[in-house]
């Protein structure tokens, strides 16, 4: 079962969210955090995959505070980045928290991609979550100084200029208990089937690792 719903943050802001009910054995719940493109069909398909794996999934529309119901084409990343710059950190955290509360589950984790990967790390340091996962996160260096409140897993792409070797080394030094997985020969957005960087083998392996991590 999947549907678009409306959720409300603690400050009264209402936003759209895509919800998918878990299939089979219930493993937990996930707040899935968007890239710079909004609540895309691609992200909805990712949510469906996690639902098949046994997770209730909520995908909040984090652009709704600045541009309601906006989905940016993958061919227009500058437009997405401009919207990101308009989003406040406090507002984003309120919306992630609202998605968590709407899931009403005892074990809620966050999984984020690109901009959402950095936000997943931020949320893991500021909110009460079960676990966190970042896929090729951007702006990660901004959030490294805050202590983590939950176990965390990183997925890095070897060719991704957003996370060069020096940054990965810094993360491993400052967050020694976090899991770090590096995928050789792939680039940023390697799990997005609508982008040239898509790599099916790396995507499948990363998904297996994420499901295992969140299921413990």
Protein backbone atom coordinates (compact mmCIF):
# COMPACT_ATOMS: atom_id res chain seq x y z
CA UNK A 1 0.00 0.00 0.00
CA UNK A 2 1.40 3.38 -0.98
CA UNK A 3 -0.16 6.82 -0.84
CA UNK A 4 0.51 10.53 -0.64
CA UNK A 5 -0.42 11.99 2.72
CA UNK A 6 -0.07 15.28 4.58
CA UNK A 7 1.94 15.48 7.79
CA UNK A 8 2.38 18.40 10.17
CA UNK A 9 5.61 19.55 11.83
CA UNK A 10 5.85 20.84 15.39
CA UNK A 11 5.81 24.47 14.20
CA UNK A 12 2.51 23.95 12.38
CA UNK A 13 3.94 23.61 8.86
CA UNK A 14 2.10 21.02 6.74
CA UNK A 15 3.94 19.12 4.03
CA UNK A 16 3.37 16.28 1.61
CA UNK A 17 4.86 12.87 2.27
CA UNK A 18 4.87 9.60 0.39
CA UNK A 19 4.07 6.58 2.56
CA UNK A 20 4.58 2.90 1.77
CA UNK A 21 3.52 0.08 4.08
CA UNK A 22 5.95 -2.78 4.74
CA UNK A 23 5.37 -6.12 3.10
CA UNK A 24 5.94 -9.43 4.88
CA UNK A 25 7.95 -9.49 8.08
CA UNK A 26 8.18 -6.06 9.71
CA UNK A 27 11.84 -5.01 10.14
CA UNK A 28 11.35 -1.40 11.20
CA UNK A 29 10.57 1.99 9.67
CA UNK A 30 12.52 4.46 7.55
CA UNK A 31 12.36 8.18 6.88
CA UNK A 32 13.79 8.39 3.36
CA UNK A 33 15.47 11.73 2.71
CA UNK A 34 15.52 13.25 -0.75
CA UNK A 35 18.21 14.37 -3.13
CA UNK A 36 18.25 17.95 -4.45
CA UNK A 37 15.39 17.07 -6.82
CA UNK A 38 12.51 16.68 -4.39
CA UNK A 39 10.03 13.86 -3.93
CA UNK A 40 10.68 12.23 -7.30
CA UNK A 41 9.19 9.08 -8.83
CA UNK A 42 12.65 7.55 -8.56
CA UNK A 43 12.69 8.15 -4.81
CA UNK A 44 9.22 6.67 -4.53
CA UNK A 45 10.50 3.54 -6.28
CA UNK A 46 13.34 3.33 -3.72
CA UNK A 47 10.75 3.57 -0.94
CA UNK A 48 8.85 0.70 -2.54
CA UNK A 49 12.00 -1.44 -2.54
CA UNK A 50 12.49 -0.88 1.18
CA UNK A 51 8.83 -1.70 1.78
CA UNK A 52 9.33 -5.00 -0.02
CA UNK A 53 12.29 -5.60 2.31
CA UNK A 54 10.00 -5.16 5.33
CA UNK A 55 10.07 -1.47 6.26
CA UNK A 56 7.35 1.12 6.58
CA UNK A 57 8.73 4.11 4.66
CA UNK A 58 7.91 7.81 4.77
CA UNK A 59 9.41 10.28 2.28
CA UNK A 60 8.80 13.88 3.36
CA UNK A 61 8.71 16.60 0.71
CA UNK A 62 11.41 18.83 2.17
CA UNK A 63 11.01 21.54 -0.48
CA UNK A 64 7.42 22.24 0.60
CA UNK A 65 8.50 25.03 2.96
CA UNK A 66 9.99 27.05 0.10
CA UNK A 67 8.34 25.65 -3.06
CA UNK A 68 5.31 23.43 -2.36
CA UNK A 69 4.77 20.39 -4.60
CA UNK A 70 7.99 21.04 -6.52
CA UNK A 71 9.88 18.23 -8.22
CA UNK A 72 12.99 19.28 -10.13
CA UNK A 73 13.98 17.44 -13.34
CA UNK A 74 17.28 15.57 -13.08
CA UNK A 75 18.52 17.72 -15.96
CA UNK A 76 18.23 20.89 -13.82
CA UNK A 77 20.50 20.38 -10.79
CA UNK A 78 21.15 24.13 -10.44
CA UNK A 79 17.46 24.68 -9.77
CA UNK A 80 17.54 21.98 -7.10
CA UNK A 81 20.63 23.49 -5.48
CA UNK A 82 18.96 26.90 -5.41
CA UNK A 83 16.01 25.41 -3.52
CA UNK A 84 18.37 23.68 -1.10
CA UNK A 85 19.94 27.04 -0.29
CA UNK A 86 16.51 28.37 0.65
CA UNK A 87 15.80 25.52 3.08
CA UNK A 88 16.65 26.16 6.72
CA UNK A 89 18.35 23.47 8.77
CA UNK A 90 15.84 23.87 11.59
CA UNK A 91 12.90 23.55 9.21
CA UNK A 92 14.31 20.43 7.57
CA UNK A 93 14.87 18.78 10.95
CA UNK A 94 11.32 19.59 12.02
CA UNK A 95 10.01 17.95 8.85
CA UNK A 96 12.16 14.84 9.31
CA UNK A 97 10.95 14.62 12.90
CA UNK A 98 7.35 14.97 11.70
CA UNK A 99 7.88 12.06 9.28
CA UNK A 100 9.34 9.99 12.09
CA UNK A 101 6.40 10.69 14.37
CA UNK A 102 3.91 9.95 11.59
CA UNK A 103 5.46 6.49 11.18
CA UNK A 104 4.60 5.82 14.84
CA UNK A 105 7.06 2.93 15.05
CA UNK A 106 9.48 1.92 17.83
CA UNK A 107 12.50 1.67 15.49
CA UNK A 108 12.69 4.52 12.99
CA UNK A 109 15.88 5.01 10.98
CA UNK A 110 16.86 7.60 8.37
CA UNK A 111 18.27 6.83 4.93
CA UNK A 112 19.38 9.73 2.73
CA UNK A 113 20.84 10.25 -0.73
CA UNK A 114 23.05 13.15 -1.89
CA UNK A 115 21.74 16.23 0.01
CA UNK A 116 19.67 13.77 2.01
CA UNK A 117 22.81 11.83 2.93
CA UNK A 118 24.22 14.87 4.67
CA UNK A 119 20.86 15.51 6.29
CA UNK A 120 20.76 11.91 7.52
CA UNK A 121 24.05 12.51 9.33
CA UNK A 122 22.71 15.78 10.75
CA UNK A 123 19.53 14.08 11.93
CA UNK A 124 21.50 11.26 13.55
CA UNK A 125 23.22 13.86 15.71
CA UNK A 126 20.18 15.97 16.53
CA UNK A 127 17.19 13.61 16.68
CA UNK A 128 16.38 10.37 18.46
CA UNK A 129 16.66 7.66 15.81
CA UNK A 130 17.36 3.95 15.67
CA UNK A 131 20.03 4.10 12.94
CA UNK A 132 21.16 6.27 10.05
CA UNK A 133 22.48 5.65 6.54
CA UNK A 134 24.02 8.11 4.06
CA UNK A 135 24.44 7.37 0.36
CA UNK A 136 27.08 9.58 -1.31
CA UNK A 137 26.16 12.36 1.08
CA UNK A 138 27.01 15.97 0.35
CA UNK A 139 27.93 18.66 2.90
CA UNK A 140 29.07 15.91 5.26
CA UNK A 141 31.94 17.98 6.66
CA UNK A 142 29.41 20.46 8.08
CA UNK A 143 27.96 17.85 10.41
CA UNK A 144 30.99 15.91 11.61
CA UNK A 145 31.52 17.79 14.85
CA UNK A 146 28.21 16.77 16.40
CA UNK A 147 28.23 13.42 18.24
CA UNK A 148 26.09 10.67 16.76
CA UNK A 149 23.05 9.56 18.72
CA UNK A 150 22.75 6.25 16.86
CA UNK A 151 24.78 3.76 14.79
CA UNK A 152 25.55 5.02 11.30
CA UNK A 153 26.48 3.58 7.90
CA UNK A 154 28.08 5.42 4.95
CA UNK A 155 28.08 4.43 1.27
CA UNK A 156 30.71 6.22 -0.80
CA UNK A 157 31.45 6.19 -4.53
CA UNK A 158 35.13 6.05 -5.47
CA UNK A 159 34.78 8.64 -8.26
CA UNK A 160 32.53 11.03 -6.35
CA UNK A 161 34.14 14.46 -6.01
CA UNK A 162 31.73 15.30 -3.17
CA UNK A 163 33.51 12.77 -0.96
CA UNK A 164 37.22 12.62 -1.83
CA UNK A 165 39.56 10.23 -0.06
CA UNK A 166 40.62 12.91 2.43
CA UNK A 167 37.03 13.46 3.56
CA UNK A 168 36.39 9.74 3.90
CA UNK A 169 39.54 9.45 6.01
CA UNK A 170 38.37 12.36 8.16
CA UNK A 171 35.00 10.69 8.69
CA UNK A 172 36.63 7.41 9.67
CA UNK A 173 38.84 9.27 12.15
CA UNK A 174 36.09 11.36 13.73
CA UNK A 175 33.40 8.67 13.60
CA UNK A 176 35.40 5.47 14.14
CA UNK A 177 32.36 3.38 15.03
CA UNK A 178 30.47 4.21 11.82
CA UNK A 179 30.43 1.69 8.98
CA UNK A 180 32.02 2.95 5.75
CA UNK A 181 31.59 1.18 2.41
CA UNK A 182 33.43 2.35 -0.70
CA UNK A 183 32.28 1.20 -4.15
CA UNK A 184 35.08 1.02 -6.70
CA UNK A 185 34.69 2.51 -10.15
CA UNK A 186 31.32 4.19 -9.53
CA UNK A 187 30.33 7.85 -9.23
CA UNK A 188 27.87 10.05 -7.38
CA UNK A 189 24.21 8.90 -7.71
CA UNK A 190 25.19 5.34 -8.59
CA UNK A 191 21.89 4.01 -7.18
CA UNK A 192 19.69 6.26 -9.35
CA UNK A 193 18.51 4.24 -12.33
CA UNK A 194 17.60 7.41 -14.23
CA UNK A 195 21.12 8.78 -14.22
CA UNK A 196 24.19 7.83 -16.30
CA UNK A 197 26.12 6.92 -13.13
CA UNK A 198 23.72 4.09 -12.27
CA UNK A 199 25.49 0.85 -11.41
CA UNK A 200 23.23 -2.13 -10.85
CA UNK A 201 25.75 -4.35 -9.06
CA UNK A 202 26.84 -1.64 -6.62
CA UNK A 203 23.22 -0.65 -6.00
CA UNK A 204 22.22 -4.22 -5.18
CA UNK A 205 25.18 -4.69 -2.81
CA UNK A 206 24.52 -1.36 -1.07
CA UNK A 207 20.86 -2.24 -0.62
CA UNK A 208 21.76 -5.61 0.91
CA UNK A 209 24.15 -3.93 3.33
CA UNK A 210 21.60 -1.29 4.29
CA UNK A 211 18.80 -3.77 4.93
CA UNK A 212 21.10 -5.95 7.03
CA UNK A 213 22.31 -2.93 9.02
CA UNK A 214 18.82 -1.61 9.72
CA UNK A 215 17.46 -5.06 10.56
CA UNK A 216 19.83 -5.77 13.49
